[in-house]
Amino acid sequence: MSGGQLIWRTQAGTHCARCLEPSADGTFYEFVRPYNFTSPSAAAAVVLDRNSNGRLEWKVVGSRLSYHQWQEENAQYSEIAEAAIHT
């Protein structure tokens, strides 16, 4: 790892200059300011330094649920609540 800042470019051409900098010991990069990614997969690709499906890579804190599983569960609860309102 070089001592400079890391800049990445997504397929859409967006990038974040000065968002990631080497850690104090130089073993990893860390976010030094907030950055809004366009998708869970874009965020996962930067963090993991490879192509990835962010909906499967990201996990809900304190559980083994993936972001995809969490979305599916919430969608089911929303459908149940919506059906209850209209009955």
PDB file of N, CA and C in Angstrom:
ATOM      1  N   MET A   1       0.860  -1.166   0.000  1.00  0.00           N
ATOM      2  CA  MET A   1       0.000   0.000   0.000  1.00  0.00           C
ATOM      3  C   MET A   1       0.903   1.224   0.000  1.00  0.00           C
ATOM      4  N   SER A   2       0.622   2.142  -0.883  1.00  0.00           N
ATOM      5  CA  SER A   2       1.398   3.375  -0.893  1.00  0.00           C
ATOM      6  C   SER A   2       0.876   4.314   0.178  1.00  0.00           C
ATOM      7  N   GLY A   3       1.615   5.365   0.461  1.00  0.00           N
ATOM      8  CA  GLY A   3       1.242   6.264   1.537  1.00  0.00           C
ATOM      9  C   GLY A   3       0.236   7.320   1.150  1.00  0.00           C
ATOM     10  N   GLY A   4      -0.206   7.351  -0.096  1.00  0.00           N
ATOM     11  CA  GLY A   4      -1.115   8.394  -0.554  1.00  0.00           C
ATOM     12  C   GLY A   4      -2.567   8.062  -0.360  1.00  0.00           C
ATOM     13  N   GLN A   5      -3.386   8.963  -0.836  1.00  0.00           N
ATOM     14  CA  GLN A   5      -4.829   8.776  -0.746  1.00  0.00           C
ATOM     15  C   GLN A   5      -5.288   7.799  -1.821  1.00  0.00           C
ATOM     16  N   LEU A   6      -6.407   7.166  -1.562  1.00  0.00           N
ATOM     17  CA  LEU A   6      -6.994   6.245  -2.516  1.00  0.00           C
ATOM     18  C   LEU A   6      -8.178   6.919  -3.178  1.00  0.00           C
ATOM     19  N   ILE A   7      -8.211   6.902  -4.483  1.00  0.00           N
ATOM     20  CA  ILE A   7      -9.346   7.443  -5.239  1.00  0.00           C
ATOM     21  C   ILE A   7      -9.860   6.315  -6.118  1.00  0.00           C
ATOM     22  N   TRP A   8     -11.167   6.105  -6.116  1.00  0.00           N
ATOM     23  CA  TRP A   8     -11.728   5.060  -6.962  1.00  0.00           C
ATOM     24  C   TRP A   8     -12.685   5.684  -7.957  1.00  0.00           C
ATOM     25  N   ARG A   9     -12.928   4.966  -9.014  1.00  0.00           N
ATOM     26  CA  ARG A   9     -13.856   5.418 -10.038  1.00  0.00           C
ATOM     27  C   ARG A   9     -14.841   4.284 -10.300  1.00  0.00           C
ATOM     28  N   THR A  10     -16.125   4.602 -10.263  1.00  0.00           N
ATOM     29  CA  THR A  10     -17.151   3.593 -10.518  1.00  0.00           C
ATOM     30  C   THR A  10     -17.447   3.541 -12.005  1.00  0.00           C
ATOM     31  N   GLN A  11     -18.264   2.587 -12.404  1.00  0.00           N
ATOM     32  CA  GLN A  11     -18.655   2.487 -13.808  1.00  0.00           C
ATOM     33  C   GLN A  11     -19.360   3.752 -14.282  1.00  0.00           C
ATOM     34  N   ALA A  12     -20.064   4.404 -13.382  1.00  0.00           N
ATOM     35  CA  ALA A  12     -20.770   5.635 -13.745  1.00  0.00           C
ATOM     36  C   ALA A  12     -19.816   6.828 -13.817  1.00  0.00           C
ATOM     37  N   GLY A  13     -18.554   6.620 -13.435  1.00  0.00           N
ATOM     38  CA  GLY A  13     -17.572   7.679 -13.524  1.00  0.00           C
ATOM     39  C   GLY A  13     -17.478   8.549 -12.279  1.00  0.00           C
ATOM     40  N   THR A  14     -18.242   8.223 -11.244  1.00  0.00           N
ATOM     41  CA  THR A  14     -18.163   9.016 -10.020  1.00  0.00           C
ATOM     42  C   THR A  14     -16.978   8.540  -9.190  1.00  0.00           C
ATOM     43  N   HIS A  15     -16.449   9.417  -8.386  1.00  0.00           N
ATOM     44  CA  HIS A  15     -15.319   9.039  -7.542  1.00  0.00           C
ATOM     45  C   HIS A  15     -15.307   9.903  -6.288  1.00  0.00           C
ATOM     46  N   CYS A  16     -14.516   9.502  -5.383  1.00  0.00           N
ATOM     47  CA  CYS A  16     -14.407  10.236  -4.131  1.00  0.00           C
ATOM     48  C   CYS A  16     -12.938  10.526  -3.864  1.00  0.00           C
ATOM     49  N   ALA A  17     -12.547  11.740  -4.100  1.00  0.00           N
ATOM     50  CA  ALA A  17     -11.185  12.137  -3.771  1.00  0.00           C
ATOM     51  C   ALA A  17     -11.143  12.510  -2.289  1.00  0.00           C
ATOM     52  N   ARG A  18     -10.128  12.064  -1.605  1.00  0.00           N
ATOM     53  CA  ARG A  18      -9.913  12.378  -0.189  1.00  0.00           C
ATOM     54  C   ARG A  18     -10.991  11.797   0.726  1.00  0.00           C
ATOM     55  N   CYS A  19     -11.639  10.716   0.315  1.00  0.00           N
ATOM     56  CA  CYS A  19     -12.591  10.025   1.197  1.00  0.00           C
ATOM     57  C   CYS A  19     -11.892   8.939   1.999  1.00  0.00           C
ATOM     58  N   LEU A  20     -10.922   8.298   1.383  1.00  0.00           N
ATOM     59  CA  LEU A  20     -10.195   7.204   2.017  1.00  0.00           C
ATOM     60  C   LEU A  20      -8.731   7.585   2.135  1.00  0.00           C
ATOM     61  N   GLU A  21      -8.177   7.325   3.302  1.00  0.00           N
ATOM     62  CA  GLU A  21      -6.752   7.560   3.528  1.00  0.00           C
ATOM     63  C   GLU A  21      -6.180   6.380   4.291  1.00  0.00           C
ATOM     64  N   PRO A  22      -4.886   6.155   4.180  1.00  0.00           N
ATOM     65  CA  PRO A  22      -4.281   5.028   4.911  1.00  0.00           C
ATOM     66  C   PRO A  22      -4.458   5.184   6.416  1.00  0.00           C
ATOM     67  N   SER A  23      -4.621   4.061   7.074  1.00  0.00           N
ATOM     68  CA  SER A  23      -4.697   4.064   8.544  1.00  0.00           C
ATOM     69  C   SER A  23      -3.348   4.490   9.110  1.00  0.00           C
ATOM     70  N   ALA A  24      -3.319   4.755  10.402  1.00  0.00           N
ATOM     71  CA  ALA A  24      -2.086   5.208  11.050  1.00  0.00           C
ATOM     72  C   ALA A  24      -0.944   4.215  10.861  1.00  0.00           C
ATOM     73  N   ASP A  25      -1.257   2.911  10.905  1.00  0.00           N
ATOM     74  CA  ASP A  25      -0.195   1.916  10.736  1.00  0.00           C
ATOM     75  C   ASP A  25      -0.017   1.483   9.281  1.00  0.00           C
ATOM     76  N   GLY A  26      -0.842   2.036   8.375  1.00  0.00           N
ATOM     77  CA  GLY A  26      -0.694   1.764   6.948  1.00  0.00           C
ATOM     78  C   GLY A  26      -1.161   0.402   6.488  1.00  0.00           C
ATOM     79  N   THR A  27      -1.912  -0.318   7.313  1.00  0.00           N
ATOM     80  CA  THR A  27      -2.342  -1.664   6.932  1.00  0.00           C
ATOM     81  C   THR A  27      -3.683  -1.695   6.212  1.00  0.00           C
ATOM     82  N   PHE A  28      -4.430  -0.604   6.259  1.00  0.00           N
ATOM     83  CA  PHE A  28      -5.718  -0.548   5.579  1.00  0.00           C
ATOM     84  C   PHE A  28      -6.093   0.904   5.309  1.00  0.00           C
ATOM     85  N   TYR A  29      -7.113   1.091   4.501  1.00  0.00           N
ATOM     86  CA  TYR A  29      -7.642   2.429   4.258  1.00  0.00           C
ATOM     87  C   TYR A  29      -8.880   2.629   5.126  1.00  0.00           C
ATOM     88  N   GLU A  30      -9.133   3.879   5.504  1.00  0.00           N
ATOM     89  CA  GLU A  30     -10.330   4.178   6.276  1.00  0.00           C
ATOM     90  C   GLU A  30     -10.997   5.424   5.715  1.00  0.00           C
ATOM     91  N   PHE A  31     -12.329   5.458   5.842  1.00  0.00           N
ATOM     92  CA  PHE A  31     -13.077   6.630   5.396  1.00  0.00           C
ATOM     93  C   PHE A  31     -12.792   7.780   6.349  1.00  0.00           C
ATOM     94  N   VAL A  32     -12.463   8.925   5.794  1.00  0.00           N
ATOM     95  CA  VAL A  32     -12.183  10.105   6.614  1.00  0.00           C
ATOM     96  C   VAL A  32     -13.281  11.156   6.466  1.00  0.00           C
ATOM     97  N   ARG A  33     -14.238  10.892   5.583  1.00  0.00           N
ATOM     98  CA  ARG A  33     -15.416  11.747   5.469  1.00  0.00           C
ATOM     99  C   ARG A  33     -16.533  10.910   4.869  1.00  0.00           C
ATOM    100  N   PRO A  34     -17.773  11.312   5.104  1.00  0.00           N
ATOM    101  CA  PRO A  34     -18.902  10.532   4.586  1.00  0.00           C
ATOM    102  C   PRO A  34     -18.934  10.520   3.051  1.00  0.00           C
ATOM    103  N   TYR A  35     -19.426   9.435   2.523  1.00  0.00           N
ATOM    104  CA  TYR A  35     -19.621   9.320   1.078  1.00  0.00           C
ATOM    105  C   TYR A  35     -20.875   8.494   0.837  1.00  0.00           C
ATOM    106  N   ASN A  36     -21.782   8.993   0.022  1.00  0.00           N
ATOM    107  CA  ASN A  36     -23.011   8.277  -0.318  1.00  0.00           C
ATOM    108  C   ASN A  36     -22.786   7.475  -1.587  1.00  0.00           C
ATOM    109  N   PHE A  37     -22.862   6.183  -1.475  1.00  0.00           N
ATOM    110  CA  PHE A  37     -22.744   5.314  -2.637  1.00  0.00           C
ATOM    111  C   PHE A  37     -24.091   5.202  -3.336  1.00  0.00           C
ATOM    112  N   THR A  38     -24.057   4.867  -4.611  1.00  0.00           N
ATOM    113  CA  THR A  38     -25.292   4.758  -5.392  1.00  0.00           C
ATOM    114  C   THR A  38     -26.005   3.437  -5.166  1.00  0.00           C
ATOM    115  N   SER A  39     -25.315   2.468  -4.584  1.00  0.00           N
ATOM    116  CA  SER A  39     -25.936   1.159  -4.338  1.00  0.00           C
ATOM    117  C   SER A  39     -25.124   0.401  -3.294  1.00  0.00           C
ATOM    118  N   PRO A  40     -25.749  -0.614  -2.684  1.00  0.00           N
ATOM    119  CA  PRO A  40     -24.997  -1.462  -1.756  1.00  0.00           C
ATOM    120  C   PRO A  40     -23.824  -2.152  -2.444  1.00  0.00           C
ATOM    121  N   SER A  41     -23.985  -2.516  -3.721  1.00  0.00           N
ATOM    122  CA  SER A  41     -22.914  -3.203  -4.444  1.00  0.00           C
ATOM    123  C   SER A  41     -21.738  -2.274  -4.715  1.00  0.00           C
ATOM    124  N   ALA A  42     -22.006  -1.015  -5.015  1.00  0.00           N
ATOM    125  CA  ALA A  42     -20.918  -0.058  -5.228  1.00  0.00           C
ATOM    126  C   ALA A  42     -20.108   0.105  -3.953  1.00  0.00           C
ATOM    127  N   ALA A  43     -20.778   0.195  -2.815  1.00  0.00           N
ATOM    128  CA  ALA A  43     -20.085   0.331  -1.535  1.00  0.00           C
ATOM    129  C   ALA A  43     -19.267  -0.928  -1.237  1.00  0.00           C
ATOM    130  N   ALA A  44     -19.852  -2.082  -1.448  1.00  0.00           N
ATOM    131  CA  ALA A  44     -19.144  -3.336  -1.175  1.00  0.00           C
ATOM    132  C   ALA A  44     -17.926  -3.480  -2.086  1.00  0.00           C
ATOM    133  N   ALA A  45     -18.051  -3.072  -3.336  1.00  0.00           N
ATOM    134  CA  ALA A  45     -16.931  -3.184  -4.271  1.00  0.00           C
ATOM    135  C   ALA A  45     -15.741  -2.347  -3.811  1.00  0.00           C
ATOM    136  N   VAL A  46     -16.003  -1.161  -3.296  1.00  0.00           N
ATOM    137  CA  VAL A  46     -14.911  -0.316  -2.809  1.00  0.00           C
ATOM    138  C   VAL A  46     -14.307  -0.902  -1.545  1.00  0.00           C
ATOM    139  N   VAL A  47     -15.135  -1.302  -0.615  1.00  0.00           N
ATOM    140  CA  VAL A  47     -14.643  -1.825   0.660  1.00  0.00           C
ATOM    141  C   VAL A  47     -13.884  -3.136   0.461  1.00  0.00           C
ATOM    142  N   LEU A  48     -14.388  -4.008  -0.412  1.00  0.00           N
ATOM    143  CA  LEU A  48     -13.764  -5.316  -0.606  1.00  0.00           C
ATOM    144  C   LEU A  48     -12.719  -5.333  -1.715  1.00  0.00           C
ATOM    145  N   ASP A  49     -12.652  -4.246  -2.495  1.00  0.00           N
ATOM    146  CA  ASP A  49     -11.711  -4.126  -3.612  1.00  0.00           C
ATOM    147  C   ASP A  49     -11.909  -5.229  -4.653  1.00  0.00           C
ATOM    148  N   ARG A  50     -13.178  -5.501  -4.947  1.00  0.00           N
ATOM    149  CA  ARG A  50     -13.533  -6.480  -5.982  1.00  0.00           C
ATOM    150  C   ARG A  50     -15.004  -6.299  -6.323  1.00  0.00           C
ATOM    151  N   ASN A  51     -15.425  -6.856  -7.438  1.00  0.00           N
ATOM    152  CA  ASN A  51     -16.850  -6.852  -7.750  1.00  0.00           C
ATOM    153  C   ASN A  51     -17.578  -7.682  -6.715  1.00  0.00           C
ATOM    154  N   SER A  52     -18.751  -7.222  -6.321  1.00  0.00           N
ATOM    155  CA  SER A  52     -19.512  -7.992  -5.346  1.00  0.00           C
ATOM    156  C   SER A  52     -20.976  -7.583  -5.385  1.00  0.00           C
ATOM    157  N   ASN A  53     -21.813  -8.475  -4.907  1.00  0.00           N
ATOM    158  CA  ASN A  53     -23.229  -8.193  -4.761  1.00  0.00           C
ATOM    159  C   ASN A  53     -23.428  -7.673  -3.340  1.00  0.00           C
ATOM    160  N   GLY A  54     -23.579  -6.374  -3.208  1.00  0.00           N
ATOM    161  CA  GLY A  54     -23.691  -5.760  -1.895  1.00  0.00           C
ATOM    162  C   GLY A  54     -24.882  -6.233  -1.093  1.00  0.00           C
ATOM    163  N   ARG A  55     -25.967  -6.597  -1.781  1.00  0.00           N
ATOM    164  CA  ARG A  55     -27.150  -7.073  -1.056  1.00  0.00           C
ATOM    165  C   ARG A  55     -26.859  -8.382  -0.341  1.00  0.00           C
ATOM    166  N   LEU A  56     -25.872  -9.129  -0.830  1.00  0.00           N
ATOM    167  CA  LEU A  56     -25.496 -10.384  -0.169  1.00  0.00           C
ATOM    168  C   LEU A  56     -24.302 -10.204   0.765  1.00  0.00           C
ATOM    169  N   GLU A  57     -23.404  -9.280   0.445  1.00  0.00           N
ATOM    170  CA  GLU A  57     -22.190  -9.069   1.251  1.00  0.00           C
ATOM    171  C   GLU A  57     -22.465  -8.364   2.570  1.00  0.00           C
ATOM    172  N   TRP A  58     -23.325  -7.334   2.550  1.00  0.00           N
ATOM    173  CA  TRP A  58     -23.588  -6.560   3.771  1.00  0.00           C
ATOM    174  C   TRP A  58     -24.460  -7.370   4.711  1.00  0.00           C
ATOM    175  N   LYS A  59     -24.101  -7.352   5.984  1.00  0.00           N
ATOM    176  CA  LYS A  59     -24.844  -8.083   7.016  1.00  0.00           C
ATOM    177  C   LYS A  59     -25.447  -7.098   8.011  1.00  0.00           C
ATOM    178  N   VAL A  60     -26.601  -7.457   8.554  1.00  0.00           N
ATOM    179  CA  VAL A  60     -27.262  -6.653   9.576  1.00  0.00           C
ATOM    180  C   VAL A  60     -26.493  -6.839  10.889  1.00  0.00           C
ATOM    181  N   VAL A  61     -26.147  -5.740  11.532  1.00  0.00           N
ATOM    182  CA  VAL A  61     -25.380  -5.797  12.778  1.00  0.00           C
ATOM    183  C   VAL A  61     -26.128  -6.637  13.808  1.00  0.00           C
ATOM    184  N   GLY A  62     -25.414  -7.541  14.435  1.00  0.00           N
ATOM    185  CA  GLY A  62     -25.986  -8.374  15.485  1.00  0.00           C
ATOM    186  C   GLY A  62     -26.761  -9.575  14.980  1.00  0.00           C
ATOM    187  N   SER A  63     -26.690  -9.842  13.675  1.00  0.00           N
ATOM    188  CA  SER A  63     -27.392 -11.008  13.140  1.00  0.00           C
ATOM    189  C   SER A  63     -26.591 -11.593  11.987  1.00  0.00           C
ATOM    190  N   ARG A  64     -27.080 -12.667  11.428  1.00  0.00           N
ATOM    191  CA  ARG A  64     -26.447 -13.266  10.250  1.00  0.00           C
ATOM    192  C   ARG A  64     -27.214 -12.918   8.979  1.00  0.00           C
ATOM    193  N   LEU A  65     -28.218 -12.052   9.103  1.00  0.00           N
ATOM    194  CA  LEU A  65     -29.024 -11.690   7.941  1.00  0.00           C
ATOM    195  C   LEU A  65     -28.231 -10.836   6.963  1.00  0.00           C
ATOM    196  N   SER A  66     -28.343 -11.154   5.683  1.00  0.00           N
ATOM    197  CA  SER A  66     -27.770 -10.286   4.661  1.00  0.00           C
ATOM    198  C   SER A  66     -28.738  -9.118   4.443  1.00  0.00           C
ATOM    199  N   TYR A  67     -28.243  -8.090   3.786  1.00  0.00           N
ATOM    200  CA  TYR A  67     -29.102  -6.950   3.470  1.00  0.00           C
ATOM    201  C   TYR A  67     -30.296  -7.409   2.636  1.00  0.00           C
ATOM    202  N   HIS A  68     -30.078  -8.336   1.720  1.00  0.00           N
ATOM    203  CA  HIS A  68     -31.159  -8.877   0.888  1.00  0.00           C
ATOM    204  C   HIS A  68     -32.222  -9.562   1.757  1.00  0.00           C
ATOM    205  N   GLN A  69     -31.787 -10.405   2.689  1.00  0.00           N
ATOM    206  CA  GLN A  69     -32.732 -11.098   3.564  1.00  0.00           C
ATOM    207  C   GLN A  69     -33.516 -10.103   4.412  1.00  0.00           C
ATOM    208  N   TRP A  70     -32.828  -9.089   4.916  1.00  0.00           N
ATOM    209  CA  TRP A  70     -33.475  -8.055   5.719  1.00  0.00           C
ATOM    210  C   TRP A  70     -34.524  -7.310   4.890  1.00  0.00           C
ATOM    211  N   GLN A  71     -34.186  -6.969   3.645  1.00  0.00           N
ATOM    212  CA  GLN A  71     -35.150  -6.295   2.765  1.00  0.00           C
ATOM    213  C   GLN A  71     -36.369  -7.165   2.519  1.00  0.00           C
ATOM    214  N   GLU A  72     -36.140  -8.441   2.261  1.00  0.00           N
ATOM    215  CA  GLU A  72     -37.245  -9.363   1.995  1.00  0.00           C
ATOM    216  C   GLU A  72     -38.160  -9.480   3.208  1.00  0.00           C
ATOM    217  N   GLU A  73     -37.581  -9.597   4.396  1.00  0.00           N
ATOM    218  CA  GLU A  73     -38.396  -9.687   5.615  1.00  0.00           C
ATOM    219  C   GLU A  73     -39.220  -8.425   5.822  1.00  0.00           C
ATOM    220  N   ASN A  74     -38.608  -7.275   5.619  1.00  0.00           N
ATOM    221  CA  ASN A  74     -39.332  -6.015   5.788  1.00  0.00           C
ATOM    222  C   ASN A  74     -40.426  -5.845   4.746  1.00  0.00           C
ATOM    223  N   ALA A  75     -40.192  -6.330   3.544  1.00  0.00           N
ATOM    224  CA  ALA A  75     -41.211  -6.259   2.502  1.00  0.00           C
ATOM    225  C   ALA A  75     -42.410  -7.130   2.882  1.00  0.00           C
ATOM    226  N   GLN A  76     -42.144  -8.302   3.450  1.00  0.00           N
ATOM    227  CA  GLN A  76     -43.230  -9.182   3.872  1.00  0.00           C
ATOM    228  C   GLN A  76     -44.040  -8.547   4.987  1.00  0.00           C
ATOM    229  N   TYR A  77     -43.366  -7.926   5.967  1.00  0.00           N
ATOM    230  CA  TYR A  77     -44.077  -7.266   7.067  1.00  0.00           C
ATOM    231  C   TYR A  77     -44.902  -6.100   6.544  1.00  0.00           C
ATOM    232  N   SER A  78     -44.373  -5.379   5.578  1.00  0.00           N
ATOM    233  CA  SER A  78     -45.098  -4.246   5.003  1.00  0.00           C
ATOM    234  C   SER A  78     -46.355  -4.725   4.275  1.00  0.00           C
ATOM    235  N   GLU A  79     -46.234  -5.834   3.542  1.00  0.00           N
ATOM    236  CA  GLU A  79     -47.395  -6.373   2.841  1.00  0.00           C
ATOM    237  C   GLU A  79     -48.452  -6.849   3.813  1.00  0.00           C
ATOM    238  N   ILE A  80     -48.033  -7.478   4.911  1.00  0.00           N
ATOM    239  CA  ILE A  80     -48.971  -7.946   5.924  1.00  0.00           C
ATOM    240  C   ILE A  80     -49.670  -6.753   6.574  1.00  0.00           C
ATOM    241  N   ALA A  81     -48.905  -5.731   6.926  1.00  0.00           N
ATOM    242  CA  ALA A  81     -49.497  -4.533   7.549  1.00  0.00           C
ATOM    243  C   ALA A  81     -50.438  -3.836   6.586  1.00  0.00           C
ATOM    244  N   GLU A  82     -50.070  -3.750   5.334  1.00  0.00           N
ATOM    245  CA  GLU A  82     -50.914  -3.092   4.328  1.00  0.00           C
ATOM    246  C   GLU A  82     -52.213  -3.874   4.154  1.00  0.00           C
ATOM    247  N   ALA A  83     -52.135  -5.197   4.133  1.00  0.00           N
ATOM    248  CA  ALA A  83     -53.336  -6.031   3.998  1.00  0.00           C
ATOM    249  C   ALA A  83     -54.239  -5.856   5.219  1.00  0.00           C
ATOM    250  N   ALA A  84     -53.656  -5.739   6.409  1.00  0.00           N
ATOM    251  CA  ALA A  84     -54.451  -5.573   7.622  1.00  0.00           C
ATOM    252  C   ALA A  84     -55.180  -4.242   7.630  1.00  0.00           C
ATOM    253  N   ILE A  85     -54.566  -3.226   7.090  1.00  0.00           N
ATOM    254  CA  ILE A  85     -55.190  -1.897   7.042  1.00  0.00           C
ATOM    255  C   ILE A  85     -56.405  -1.908   6.130  1.00  0.00           C
ATOM    256  N   HIS A  86     -56.327  -2.646   5.049  1.00  0.00           N
ATOM    257  CA  HIS A  86     -57.373  -2.637   4.039  1.00  0.00           C
ATOM    258  C   HIS A  86     -58.423  -3.727   4.239  1.00  0.00           C
ATOM    259  N   THR A  87     -58.403  -4.403   5.387  1.00  0.00           N
ATOM    260  CA  THR A  87     -59.433  -5.428   5.621  1.00  0.00           C
ATOM    261  C   THR A  87     -60.412  -4.964   6.649  1.00  0.00           C
TER     262      THR A  87
END
